[in-house]
N, C-alpha and C. Protein backbone atom coordinates (compact mmCIF):
# COMPACT_ATOMS: atom_id res chain seq x y z
N UNK A 1 14.80 14.33 -4.78
CA UNK A 1 13.73 13.37 -5.07
C UNK A 1 12.38 14.03 -4.81
N UNK A 2 11.45 13.89 -5.75
CA UNK A 2 10.12 14.49 -5.60
C UNK A 2 9.33 13.77 -4.51
N UNK A 3 8.27 14.42 -4.05
CA UNK A 3 7.41 13.82 -3.04
C UNK A 3 6.80 12.53 -3.57
N UNK A 4 6.39 12.54 -4.84
CA UNK A 4 5.80 11.34 -5.44
C UNK A 4 6.81 10.21 -5.47
N UNK A 5 8.03 10.51 -5.92
CA UNK A 5 9.05 9.47 -6.04
C UNK A 5 9.41 8.89 -4.68
N UNK A 6 9.49 9.74 -3.66
CA UNK A 6 9.82 9.26 -2.32
C UNK A 6 8.73 8.34 -1.78
N UNK A 7 7.46 8.76 -1.94
CA UNK A 7 6.34 7.93 -1.47
C UNK A 7 6.26 6.63 -2.25
N UNK A 8 6.51 6.70 -3.56
CA UNK A 8 6.44 5.51 -4.39
C UNK A 8 7.53 4.51 -4.00
N UNK A 9 8.74 5.01 -3.77
CA UNK A 9 9.85 4.12 -3.37
C UNK A 9 9.55 3.46 -2.04
N UNK A 10 9.03 4.24 -1.09
CA UNK A 10 8.68 3.69 0.22
C UNK A 10 7.59 2.63 0.10
N UNK A 11 6.59 2.91 -0.74
CA UNK A 11 5.52 1.94 -0.93
C UNK A 11 6.00 0.66 -1.58
N UNK A 12 6.87 0.77 -2.57
CA UNK A 12 7.39 -0.41 -3.25
C UNK A 12 8.17 -1.32 -2.30
N UNK A 13 9.07 -0.72 -1.53
CA UNK A 13 9.87 -1.52 -0.60
C UNK A 13 8.98 -2.14 0.48
N UNK A 14 8.07 -1.34 1.03
CA UNK A 14 7.22 -1.83 2.12
C UNK A 14 6.30 -2.96 1.66
N UNK A 15 5.68 -2.79 0.50
CA UNK A 15 4.78 -3.82 0.01
C UNK A 15 5.55 -5.06 -0.45
N UNK A 16 6.77 -4.89 -0.92
CA UNK A 16 7.59 -6.06 -1.25
C UNK A 16 7.87 -6.87 0.02
N UNK A 17 8.14 -6.18 1.12
CA UNK A 17 8.36 -6.86 2.39
C UNK A 17 7.11 -7.61 2.82
N UNK A 18 5.95 -6.95 2.77
CA UNK A 18 4.72 -7.61 3.22
C UNK A 18 4.34 -8.77 2.31
N UNK A 19 4.56 -8.63 1.01
CA UNK A 19 4.26 -9.72 0.10
C UNK A 19 5.16 -10.92 0.34
N UNK A 20 6.43 -10.66 0.58
CA UNK A 20 7.39 -11.73 0.87
C UNK A 20 6.99 -12.46 2.14
N UNK A 21 6.70 -11.70 3.20
CA UNK A 21 6.34 -12.32 4.47
C UNK A 21 5.06 -13.12 4.37
N UNK A 22 4.09 -12.62 3.60
CA UNK A 22 2.86 -13.37 3.41
C UNK A 22 3.13 -14.68 2.66
N UNK A 23 3.97 -14.62 1.64
CA UNK A 23 4.30 -15.82 0.90
C UNK A 23 4.98 -16.87 1.75
N UNK A 24 5.90 -16.43 2.60
CA UNK A 24 6.58 -17.35 3.50
C UNK A 24 5.59 -17.94 4.51
N UNK A 25 4.72 -17.08 5.05
CA UNK A 25 3.75 -17.55 6.05
C UNK A 25 2.81 -18.59 5.46
N UNK A 26 2.52 -18.48 4.16
CA UNK A 26 1.62 -19.42 3.50
C UNK A 26 2.34 -20.66 2.98
N UNK A 27 3.66 -20.72 3.20
CA UNK A 27 4.41 -21.90 2.79
C UNK A 27 4.65 -22.02 1.30
N UNK A 28 4.70 -20.89 0.58
CA UNK A 28 4.96 -20.92 -0.85
C UNK A 28 6.42 -21.25 -1.11
N UNK A 29 6.69 -21.81 -2.29
CA UNK A 29 8.09 -22.05 -2.66
C UNK A 29 8.75 -20.75 -3.09
N UNK A 30 10.01 -20.84 -3.51
CA UNK A 30 10.77 -19.63 -3.84
C UNK A 30 10.07 -18.79 -4.90
N UNK A 31 9.61 -19.43 -5.98
CA UNK A 31 8.93 -18.69 -7.04
C UNK A 31 7.65 -18.06 -6.51
N UNK A 32 6.91 -18.80 -5.72
CA UNK A 32 5.66 -18.29 -5.17
C UNK A 32 5.87 -17.07 -4.30
N UNK A 33 6.92 -17.13 -3.47
CA UNK A 33 7.22 -15.99 -2.60
C UNK A 33 7.60 -14.77 -3.42
N UNK A 34 8.40 -14.97 -4.45
CA UNK A 34 8.80 -13.84 -5.30
C UNK A 34 7.60 -13.25 -6.03
N UNK A 35 6.73 -14.11 -6.53
CA UNK A 35 5.52 -13.63 -7.20
C UNK A 35 4.67 -12.82 -6.23
N UNK A 36 4.50 -13.33 -5.01
CA UNK A 36 3.71 -12.61 -4.01
C UNK A 36 4.30 -11.24 -3.72
N UNK A 37 5.62 -11.16 -3.61
CA UNK A 37 6.28 -9.88 -3.32
C UNK A 37 6.12 -8.90 -4.48
N UNK A 38 6.39 -9.35 -5.70
CA UNK A 38 6.28 -8.46 -6.86
C UNK A 38 4.84 -8.06 -7.12
N UNK A 39 3.91 -8.99 -6.95
CA UNK A 39 2.50 -8.69 -7.18
C UNK A 39 1.99 -7.65 -6.19
N UNK A 40 2.37 -7.81 -4.93
CA UNK A 40 1.95 -6.85 -3.91
C UNK A 40 2.51 -5.47 -4.18
N UNK A 41 3.79 -5.42 -4.55
CA UNK A 41 4.46 -4.14 -4.74
C UNK A 41 4.04 -3.42 -6.01
N UNK A 42 3.77 -4.18 -7.07
CA UNK A 42 3.55 -3.56 -8.37
C UNK A 42 2.08 -3.50 -8.81
N UNK A 43 1.25 -4.35 -8.22
CA UNK A 43 -0.13 -4.46 -8.69
C UNK A 43 -0.91 -3.17 -8.65
N UNK A 44 -0.88 -2.47 -7.51
CA UNK A 44 -1.63 -1.24 -7.38
C UNK A 44 -1.15 -0.14 -8.30
N UNK A 45 0.17 -0.03 -8.45
CA UNK A 45 0.72 1.00 -9.33
C UNK A 45 0.39 0.75 -10.79
N UNK A 46 0.37 -0.51 -11.20
CA UNK A 46 -0.01 -0.83 -12.58
C UNK A 46 -1.46 -0.44 -12.84
N UNK A 47 -2.34 -0.77 -11.91
CA UNK A 47 -3.74 -0.38 -12.05
C UNK A 47 -3.88 1.14 -12.11
N UNK A 48 -3.14 1.83 -11.24
CA UNK A 48 -3.16 3.30 -11.22
C UNK A 48 -2.78 3.89 -12.57
N UNK A 49 -1.68 3.40 -13.12
CA UNK A 49 -1.19 3.96 -14.38
C UNK A 49 -2.14 3.67 -15.53
N UNK A 50 -2.72 2.49 -15.55
CA UNK A 50 -3.69 2.16 -16.60
C UNK A 50 -4.91 3.08 -16.51
N UNK A 51 -5.36 3.38 -15.30
CA UNK A 51 -6.54 4.22 -15.12
C UNK A 51 -6.33 5.64 -15.61
N UNK A 52 -5.08 6.14 -15.56
CA UNK A 52 -4.82 7.50 -16.05
C UNK A 52 -4.29 7.48 -17.48
N UNK A 53 -4.30 6.31 -18.11
CA UNK A 53 -3.97 6.23 -19.53
C UNK A 53 -2.50 6.33 -19.87
N UNK A 54 -1.64 5.79 -19.01
CA UNK A 54 -0.23 5.83 -19.33
C UNK A 54 0.37 4.43 -19.15
N UNK A 55 1.49 4.20 -19.82
CA UNK A 55 2.17 2.91 -19.70
C UNK A 55 2.67 2.74 -18.27
N UNK A 56 2.35 1.63 -17.61
CA UNK A 56 2.81 1.43 -16.23
C UNK A 56 4.32 1.60 -16.11
N UNK A 57 4.73 2.38 -15.11
CA UNK A 57 6.15 2.66 -14.95
C UNK A 57 6.93 1.39 -14.63
N UNK A 58 6.24 0.38 -14.08
CA UNK A 58 6.91 -0.89 -13.79
C UNK A 58 7.42 -1.56 -15.05
N UNK A 59 6.84 -1.20 -16.21
CA UNK A 59 7.23 -1.80 -17.49
C UNK A 59 8.34 -1.02 -18.18
N UNK A 60 8.66 0.17 -17.67
CA UNK A 60 9.61 1.02 -18.37
C UNK A 60 10.81 1.45 -17.52
N UNK A 61 10.66 1.44 -16.19
CA UNK A 61 11.73 1.92 -15.32
C UNK A 61 12.32 0.77 -14.51
N UNK A 62 13.55 0.43 -14.81
CA UNK A 62 14.21 -0.67 -14.12
C UNK A 62 14.42 -0.39 -12.64
N UNK A 63 14.51 0.89 -12.29
CA UNK A 63 14.71 1.24 -10.88
C UNK A 63 13.56 0.73 -10.02
N UNK A 64 12.37 0.65 -10.60
CA UNK A 64 11.21 0.15 -9.86
C UNK A 64 11.46 -1.29 -9.42
N UNK A 65 11.97 -2.09 -10.35
CA UNK A 65 12.23 -3.50 -10.05
C UNK A 65 13.36 -3.64 -9.04
N UNK A 66 14.35 -2.75 -9.11
CA UNK A 66 15.44 -2.79 -8.14
C UNK A 66 14.94 -2.47 -6.73
N UNK A 67 13.98 -1.56 -6.63
CA UNK A 67 13.41 -1.23 -5.32
C UNK A 67 12.64 -2.42 -4.75
N UNK A 68 11.91 -3.11 -5.62
CA UNK A 68 11.20 -4.30 -5.16
C UNK A 68 12.20 -5.36 -4.70
N UNK A 69 13.28 -5.53 -5.48
CA UNK A 69 14.32 -6.46 -5.08
C UNK A 69 14.95 -6.08 -3.75
N UNK A 70 15.12 -4.78 -3.52
CA UNK A 70 15.67 -4.33 -2.23
C UNK A 70 14.71 -4.67 -1.10
N UNK A 71 13.42 -4.52 -1.35
CA UNK A 71 12.42 -4.87 -0.34
C UNK A 71 12.46 -6.35 -0.01
N UNK A 72 12.63 -7.18 -1.04
CA UNK A 72 12.72 -8.63 -0.82
C UNK A 72 13.96 -8.96 0.01
N UNK A 73 15.07 -8.30 -0.30
CA UNK A 73 16.31 -8.54 0.47
C UNK A 73 16.12 -8.12 1.93
N UNK A 74 15.46 -6.99 2.14
CA UNK A 74 15.19 -6.54 3.51
C UNK A 74 14.32 -7.56 4.24
N UNK A 75 13.27 -8.04 3.56
CA UNK A 75 12.37 -9.01 4.18
C UNK A 75 13.10 -10.30 4.52
N UNK A 76 13.96 -10.73 3.61
CA UNK A 76 14.74 -11.95 3.86
C UNK A 76 15.63 -11.79 5.09
N UNK A 77 16.28 -10.63 5.18
CA UNK A 77 17.14 -10.38 6.33
C UNK A 77 16.36 -10.28 7.63
N UNK A 78 15.21 -9.61 7.59
CA UNK A 78 14.38 -9.49 8.79
C UNK A 78 13.87 -10.85 9.23
N UNK A 79 13.51 -11.67 8.27
CA UNK A 79 12.97 -12.99 8.61
C UNK A 79 14.06 -13.85 9.27
N UNK A 80 15.29 -13.74 8.80
CA UNK A 80 16.37 -14.52 9.39
C UNK A 80 16.63 -14.12 10.84
N UNK A 81 16.42 -12.83 11.14
CA UNK A 81 16.73 -12.33 12.47
C UNK A 81 15.51 -12.27 13.38
N UNK A 82 14.36 -12.68 12.87
CA UNK A 82 13.12 -12.66 13.67
C UNK A 82 12.58 -14.07 13.73
N UNK A 83 12.86 -14.74 14.81
CA UNK A 83 12.52 -16.16 14.92
C UNK A 83 11.08 -16.40 15.33
N UNK A 84 10.52 -15.51 16.12
CA UNK A 84 9.19 -15.74 16.66
C UNK A 84 8.11 -15.29 15.69
N UNK A 85 7.08 -16.11 15.54
CA UNK A 85 6.01 -15.79 14.59
C UNK A 85 5.27 -14.49 14.93
N UNK A 86 4.97 -14.21 16.22
CA UNK A 86 4.30 -12.93 16.51
C UNK A 86 5.11 -11.72 16.04
N UNK A 87 6.42 -11.79 16.18
CA UNK A 87 7.27 -10.68 15.74
C UNK A 87 7.24 -10.56 14.22
N UNK A 88 7.23 -11.69 13.53
CA UNK A 88 7.15 -11.65 12.07
C UNK A 88 5.81 -11.05 11.63
N UNK A 89 4.74 -11.41 12.33
CA UNK A 89 3.44 -10.87 11.96
C UNK A 89 3.38 -9.36 12.22
N UNK A 90 4.03 -8.91 13.29
CA UNK A 90 4.10 -7.48 13.55
C UNK A 90 4.83 -6.76 12.42
N UNK A 91 5.92 -7.36 11.93
CA UNK A 91 6.63 -6.79 10.78
C UNK A 91 5.74 -6.72 9.55
N UNK A 92 4.93 -7.76 9.35
CA UNK A 92 4.01 -7.76 8.22
C UNK A 92 3.00 -6.62 8.34
N UNK A 93 2.40 -6.46 9.51
CA UNK A 93 1.40 -5.41 9.71
C UNK A 93 2.02 -4.03 9.50
N UNK A 94 3.22 -3.82 10.04
CA UNK A 94 3.88 -2.52 9.91
C UNK A 94 4.23 -2.22 8.46
N UNK A 95 4.84 -3.17 7.77
CA UNK A 95 5.24 -2.94 6.38
C UNK A 95 4.01 -2.77 5.49
N UNK A 96 2.96 -3.56 5.73
CA UNK A 96 1.76 -3.46 4.93
C UNK A 96 1.06 -2.11 5.16
N UNK A 97 1.10 -1.62 6.39
CA UNK A 97 0.48 -0.33 6.71
C UNK A 97 1.25 0.82 6.06
N UNK A 98 2.58 0.75 6.11
CA UNK A 98 3.39 1.80 5.47
C UNK A 98 3.15 1.80 3.96
N UNK A 99 3.10 0.61 3.36
CA UNK A 99 2.82 0.53 1.94
C UNK A 99 1.46 1.07 1.58
N UNK A 100 0.47 0.76 2.40
CA UNK A 100 -0.89 1.26 2.18
C UNK A 100 -0.93 2.78 2.13
N UNK A 101 -0.33 3.42 3.12
CA UNK A 101 -0.36 4.88 3.19
C UNK A 101 0.48 5.49 2.06
N UNK A 102 1.66 4.94 1.82
CA UNK A 102 2.52 5.49 0.77
C UNK A 102 1.85 5.44 -0.59
N UNK A 103 1.20 4.33 -0.91
CA UNK A 103 0.55 4.21 -2.21
C UNK A 103 -0.75 4.99 -2.27
N UNK A 104 -1.42 5.20 -1.13
CA UNK A 104 -2.58 6.10 -1.13
C UNK A 104 -2.12 7.51 -1.49
N UNK A 105 -0.96 7.90 -0.99
CA UNK A 105 -0.39 9.22 -1.32
C UNK A 105 -0.09 9.31 -2.81
N UNK A 106 0.60 8.31 -3.37
CA UNK A 106 0.95 8.39 -4.79
C UNK A 106 -0.30 8.35 -5.67
N UNK A 107 -1.29 7.58 -5.27
CA UNK A 107 -2.53 7.54 -6.05
C UNK A 107 -3.23 8.88 -6.03
N UNK A 108 -3.31 9.49 -4.84
CA UNK A 108 -3.96 10.80 -4.74
C UNK A 108 -3.21 11.87 -5.53
N UNK A 109 -1.88 11.88 -5.44
CA UNK A 109 -1.10 12.86 -6.18
C UNK A 109 -1.24 12.67 -7.69
N UNK A 110 -1.31 11.42 -8.13
CA UNK A 110 -1.51 11.15 -9.56
C UNK A 110 -2.87 11.66 -10.01
N UNK A 111 -3.89 11.44 -9.18
CA UNK A 111 -5.23 11.92 -9.52
C UNK A 111 -5.29 13.43 -9.61
N UNK A 112 -4.64 14.10 -8.67
CA UNK A 112 -4.62 15.57 -8.69
C UNK A 112 -3.89 16.08 -9.93
N UNK A 113 -2.76 15.44 -10.25
CA UNK A 113 -2.00 15.84 -11.44
C UNK A 113 -2.82 15.65 -12.71
N UNK A 114 -3.66 14.61 -12.73
CA UNK A 114 -4.49 14.34 -13.90
C UNK A 114 -5.74 15.21 -13.95
N UNK A 115 -5.97 16.02 -12.92
CA UNK A 115 -7.12 16.92 -12.91
C UNK A 115 -8.42 16.25 -12.48
N UNK A 116 -8.33 15.12 -11.75
CA UNK A 116 -9.52 14.43 -11.30
C UNK A 116 -10.23 15.23 -10.21
N UNK A 117 -11.55 15.00 -10.10
CA UNK A 117 -12.29 15.59 -8.99
C UNK A 117 -12.08 14.75 -7.73
N UNK A 118 -12.78 15.10 -6.65
CA UNK A 118 -12.58 14.40 -5.38
C UNK A 118 -12.85 12.91 -5.50
N UNK A 119 -13.92 12.55 -6.19
CA UNK A 119 -14.24 11.13 -6.35
C UNK A 119 -13.12 10.41 -7.10
N UNK A 120 -12.62 11.02 -8.17
CA UNK A 120 -11.56 10.40 -8.96
C UNK A 120 -10.27 10.24 -8.17
N UNK A 121 -9.94 11.26 -7.40
CA UNK A 121 -8.71 11.20 -6.59
C UNK A 121 -8.83 10.11 -5.53
N UNK A 122 -9.99 10.02 -4.88
CA UNK A 122 -10.18 9.00 -3.85
C UNK A 122 -10.18 7.60 -4.45
N UNK A 123 -10.81 7.44 -5.60
CA UNK A 123 -10.84 6.12 -6.25
C UNK A 123 -9.44 5.69 -6.67
N UNK A 124 -8.68 6.62 -7.24
CA UNK A 124 -7.33 6.29 -7.69
C UNK A 124 -6.43 5.94 -6.51
N UNK A 125 -6.55 6.69 -5.43
CA UNK A 125 -5.77 6.39 -4.23
C UNK A 125 -6.15 5.02 -3.68
N UNK A 126 -7.42 4.71 -3.69
CA UNK A 126 -7.91 3.44 -3.15
C UNK A 126 -7.34 2.26 -3.93
N UNK A 127 -7.47 2.29 -5.25
CA UNK A 127 -7.02 1.14 -6.04
C UNK A 127 -5.49 1.03 -6.03
N UNK A 128 -4.80 2.16 -5.95
CA UNK A 128 -3.33 2.11 -5.87
C UNK A 128 -2.90 1.47 -4.56
N UNK A 129 -3.57 1.84 -3.47
CA UNK A 129 -3.18 1.37 -2.15
C UNK A 129 -3.55 -0.08 -1.89
N UNK A 130 -4.70 -0.52 -2.39
CA UNK A 130 -5.18 -1.86 -2.02
C UNK A 130 -5.08 -2.86 -3.16
N UNK A 131 -4.81 -2.40 -4.38
CA UNK A 131 -4.82 -3.30 -5.53
C UNK A 131 -3.84 -4.45 -5.41
N UNK A 132 -2.59 -4.15 -5.08
CA UNK A 132 -1.58 -5.20 -4.98
C UNK A 132 -1.88 -6.17 -3.84
N UNK A 133 -2.33 -5.63 -2.70
CA UNK A 133 -2.65 -6.49 -1.57
C UNK A 133 -3.83 -7.41 -1.86
N UNK A 134 -4.83 -6.90 -2.60
CA UNK A 134 -5.96 -7.74 -2.96
C UNK A 134 -5.52 -8.89 -3.86
N UNK A 135 -4.67 -8.60 -4.83
CA UNK A 135 -4.17 -9.64 -5.72
C UNK A 135 -3.36 -10.67 -4.93
N UNK A 136 -2.54 -10.20 -4.00
CA UNK A 136 -1.74 -11.10 -3.16
C UNK A 136 -2.64 -12.01 -2.33
N UNK A 137 -3.63 -11.42 -1.67
CA UNK A 137 -4.50 -12.20 -0.79
C UNK A 137 -5.29 -13.24 -1.58
N UNK A 138 -5.79 -12.85 -2.75
CA UNK A 138 -6.54 -13.82 -3.56
C UNK A 138 -5.64 -14.94 -4.06
N UNK A 139 -4.38 -14.61 -4.36
CA UNK A 139 -3.45 -15.62 -4.85
C UNK A 139 -3.18 -16.69 -3.79
N UNK A 140 -3.12 -16.27 -2.51
CA UNK A 140 -2.82 -17.23 -1.45
C UNK A 140 -4.08 -17.78 -0.78
N UNK A 141 -5.24 -17.47 -1.36
CA UNK A 141 -6.48 -18.07 -0.88
C UNK A 141 -7.10 -17.42 0.33
N UNK A 142 -6.85 -16.12 0.55
CA UNK A 142 -7.46 -15.41 1.66
C UNK A 142 -8.44 -14.36 1.14
N UNK A 143 -9.48 -14.08 1.94
CA UNK A 143 -10.36 -12.96 1.60
C UNK A 143 -9.57 -11.67 1.78
N UNK A 144 -9.51 -10.82 0.76
CA UNK A 144 -8.73 -9.58 0.89
C UNK A 144 -9.13 -8.79 2.13
N UNK A 145 -8.13 -8.35 2.88
CA UNK A 145 -8.38 -7.68 4.14
C UNK A 145 -9.22 -6.42 3.96
N UNK A 146 -9.13 -5.79 2.79
CA UNK A 146 -9.88 -4.58 2.54
C UNK A 146 -11.38 -4.83 2.57
N UNK A 147 -11.80 -6.06 2.35
CA UNK A 147 -13.21 -6.39 2.32
C UNK A 147 -13.77 -6.83 3.67
N UNK A 148 -12.92 -6.96 4.67
CA UNK A 148 -13.39 -7.55 5.91
C UNK A 148 -13.23 -6.66 7.15
N UNK A 149 -12.09 -6.02 7.32
CA UNK A 149 -11.88 -5.38 8.62
C UNK A 149 -10.75 -4.37 8.59
N UNK A 150 -10.46 -3.88 9.81
CA UNK A 150 -9.24 -3.14 10.12
C UNK A 150 -9.15 -1.73 9.53
N UNK A 151 -10.27 -1.16 9.13
CA UNK A 151 -10.20 0.21 8.61
C UNK A 151 -9.21 0.31 7.47
N UNK A 152 -9.00 -0.76 6.73
CA UNK A 152 -7.90 -0.81 5.77
C UNK A 152 -8.14 0.14 4.60
N UNK A 153 -9.16 -0.13 3.82
CA UNK A 153 -9.44 0.73 2.68
C UNK A 153 -9.86 2.12 3.09
N UNK A 154 -10.47 2.24 4.26
CA UNK A 154 -10.90 3.55 4.74
C UNK A 154 -9.72 4.49 4.92
N UNK A 155 -8.58 3.95 5.33
CA UNK A 155 -7.38 4.77 5.50
C UNK A 155 -6.97 5.40 4.18
N UNK A 156 -7.02 4.62 3.10
CA UNK A 156 -6.66 5.15 1.78
C UNK A 156 -7.61 6.27 1.37
N UNK A 157 -8.89 6.08 1.62
CA UNK A 157 -9.88 7.10 1.24
C UNK A 157 -9.70 8.37 2.05
N UNK A 158 -9.47 8.24 3.35
CA UNK A 158 -9.27 9.43 4.19
C UNK A 158 -7.99 10.17 3.81
N UNK A 159 -6.96 9.41 3.49
CA UNK A 159 -5.70 10.02 3.05
C UNK A 159 -5.91 10.83 1.78
N UNK A 160 -6.61 10.24 0.82
CA UNK A 160 -6.87 10.93 -0.44
C UNK A 160 -7.70 12.19 -0.23
N UNK A 161 -8.71 12.09 0.63
CA UNK A 161 -9.57 13.25 0.89
C UNK A 161 -8.76 14.39 1.51
N UNK A 162 -7.90 14.05 2.46
CA UNK A 162 -7.08 15.07 3.11
C UNK A 162 -6.14 15.74 2.11
N UNK A 163 -5.51 14.94 1.25
CA UNK A 163 -4.59 15.50 0.25
C UNK A 163 -5.34 16.38 -0.74
N UNK A 164 -6.51 15.93 -1.16
CA UNK A 164 -7.31 16.73 -2.10
C UNK A 164 -7.70 18.07 -1.48
N UNK A 165 -8.11 18.05 -0.22
CA UNK A 165 -8.50 19.30 0.44
C UNK A 165 -7.30 20.22 0.62
N UNK A 166 -6.15 19.66 0.95
CA UNK A 166 -4.94 20.48 1.06
C UNK A 166 -4.61 21.14 -0.26
N UNK A 167 -4.76 20.39 -1.36
CA UNK A 167 -4.49 20.96 -2.68
C UNK A 167 -5.53 22.03 -3.03
N UNK A 168 -6.79 21.78 -2.70
CA UNK A 168 -7.86 22.74 -2.99
C UNK A 168 -7.62 24.08 -2.31
N UNK A 169 -7.14 24.02 -1.08
CA UNK A 169 -6.92 25.25 -0.31
C UNK A 169 -5.49 25.77 -0.43
N UNK A 170 -4.73 25.21 -1.36
CA UNK A 170 -3.40 25.73 -1.66
C UNK A 170 -2.36 25.48 -0.59
N UNK A 171 -2.55 24.45 0.22
CA UNK A 171 -1.59 24.19 1.30
C UNK A 171 -0.87 22.86 1.14
N UNK A 172 -0.92 22.28 -0.07
CA UNK A 172 -0.27 21.00 -0.30
C UNK A 172 1.23 21.19 -0.51
N UNK A 173 2.01 20.60 0.35
CA UNK A 173 3.47 20.69 0.25
C UNK A 173 4.10 19.55 1.03
N UNK A 174 5.41 19.60 1.14
CA UNK A 174 6.10 18.52 1.81
C UNK A 174 5.68 18.34 3.25
N UNK A 175 5.54 19.46 3.98
CA UNK A 175 5.19 19.38 5.40
C UNK A 175 3.78 18.83 5.59
N UNK A 176 2.83 19.37 4.84
CA UNK A 176 1.44 18.91 5.01
C UNK A 176 1.29 17.46 4.55
N UNK A 177 1.99 17.09 3.49
CA UNK A 177 1.91 15.71 3.01
C UNK A 177 2.49 14.75 4.05
N UNK A 178 3.59 15.13 4.68
CA UNK A 178 4.17 14.29 5.73
C UNK A 178 3.23 14.17 6.92
N UNK A 179 2.54 15.26 7.27
CA UNK A 179 1.60 15.22 8.38
C UNK A 179 0.42 14.31 8.07
N UNK A 180 -0.10 14.42 6.86
CA UNK A 180 -1.22 13.56 6.46
C UNK A 180 -0.81 12.10 6.49
N UNK A 181 0.37 11.81 5.93
CA UNK A 181 0.84 10.42 5.89
C UNK A 181 1.08 9.87 7.30
N UNK A 182 1.69 10.67 8.16
CA UNK A 182 1.95 10.21 9.53
C UNK A 182 0.65 9.98 10.29
N UNK A 183 -0.31 10.88 10.11
CA UNK A 183 -1.60 10.71 10.76
C UNK A 183 -2.33 9.47 10.26
N UNK A 184 -2.26 9.23 8.96
CA UNK A 184 -2.92 8.06 8.38
C UNK A 184 -2.29 6.77 8.87
N UNK A 185 -0.95 6.75 8.96
CA UNK A 185 -0.27 5.55 9.44
C UNK A 185 -0.61 5.29 10.90
N UNK A 186 -0.62 6.34 11.71
CA UNK A 186 -0.97 6.18 13.12
C UNK A 186 -2.40 5.66 13.27
N UNK A 187 -3.32 6.20 12.48
CA UNK A 187 -4.71 5.76 12.55
C UNK A 187 -4.85 4.31 12.14
N UNK A 188 -4.14 3.91 11.10
CA UNK A 188 -4.18 2.52 10.65
C UNK A 188 -3.70 1.56 11.75
N UNK A 189 -2.58 1.90 12.39
CA UNK A 189 -2.03 1.02 13.41
C UNK A 189 -2.91 0.98 14.66
N UNK A 190 -3.42 2.13 15.07
CA UNK A 190 -4.33 2.15 16.22
C UNK A 190 -5.59 1.36 15.91
N UNK A 191 -6.13 1.53 14.70
CA UNK A 191 -7.33 0.81 14.32
C UNK A 191 -7.09 -0.69 14.33
N UNK A 192 -5.92 -1.11 13.89
CA UNK A 192 -5.62 -2.54 13.88
C UNK A 192 -5.52 -3.09 15.30
N UNK A 193 -4.71 -2.46 16.12
CA UNK A 193 -4.45 -3.00 17.45
C UNK A 193 -5.64 -2.85 18.39
N UNK A 194 -6.54 -1.91 18.09
CA UNK A 194 -7.76 -1.78 18.89
C UNK A 194 -8.96 -2.46 18.23
N UNK A 195 -8.68 -3.11 17.09
CA UNK A 195 -9.70 -3.87 16.38
C UNK A 195 -10.90 -3.01 15.97
N UNK A 196 -10.63 -1.79 15.53
CA UNK A 196 -11.71 -0.95 15.01
C UNK A 196 -12.15 -1.49 13.67
N UNK A 197 -13.45 -1.52 13.45
CA UNK A 197 -13.99 -2.02 12.20
C UNK A 197 -15.20 -1.19 11.79
N UNK A 198 -15.42 -1.14 10.49
CA UNK A 198 -16.66 -0.56 10.01
C UNK A 198 -17.81 -1.51 10.31
N UNK A 199 -19.02 -0.98 10.45
CA UNK A 199 -20.17 -1.86 10.73
C UNK A 199 -20.35 -2.89 9.63
N UNK A 200 -20.70 -4.11 10.02
CA UNK A 200 -20.98 -5.18 9.07
C UNK A 200 -22.47 -5.29 8.86
N UNK A 201 -22.87 -5.50 7.62
CA UNK A 201 -24.27 -5.63 7.28
C UNK A 201 -24.69 -7.08 7.30
N UNK A 202 -25.96 -7.33 7.50
CA UNK A 202 -26.46 -8.69 7.49
C UNK A 202 -26.34 -9.34 8.84
N UNK A 203 -26.51 -10.65 8.83
CA UNK A 203 -26.43 -11.42 10.08
C UNK A 203 -27.74 -11.52 10.81
N UNK A 204 -28.79 -10.94 10.20
CA UNK A 204 -30.08 -10.99 10.87
C UNK A 204 -30.97 -12.08 10.34
């Protein structure tokens, strides 16, 4: 399995879990929960593929839908075995963070493959990583987390920058990609639990 395929599969399953958990937390019915899961998992990748001028793989590869279905099954099982709401929210944060980093990786790799410059690679990673989550949050009536706090979108941008620099200096490979992803995930979780935020403008 290629690095892209592995990261994409991980992102699909993780975001399906976070979308499912968000739908349940918001009290959506069965259809609503499924829509939330599929929208979270597929939204960013569809935007990514459209930006590079190709048919979204979600429309052509059935394996993509099977991975989302697997994520929903995992989320359903975890929810049955996790009775306490704080534990469920921890699962949501972890799965959403893994999906964020995994899709930032796939977005950055797609941008590099397409010959984008640093700005293009970072933009593609950003929309791939946060696109599905933004659609999910707007659907359930919440301000998208990327617009408010938690170093969320910043993680995607830093991940893309690191991958672009590794590629520029000829050191992009499985080991370096794993190190970048692990560092980004750790930073995201530390930022969340320590409530790190970018400065907010206004209020004066």
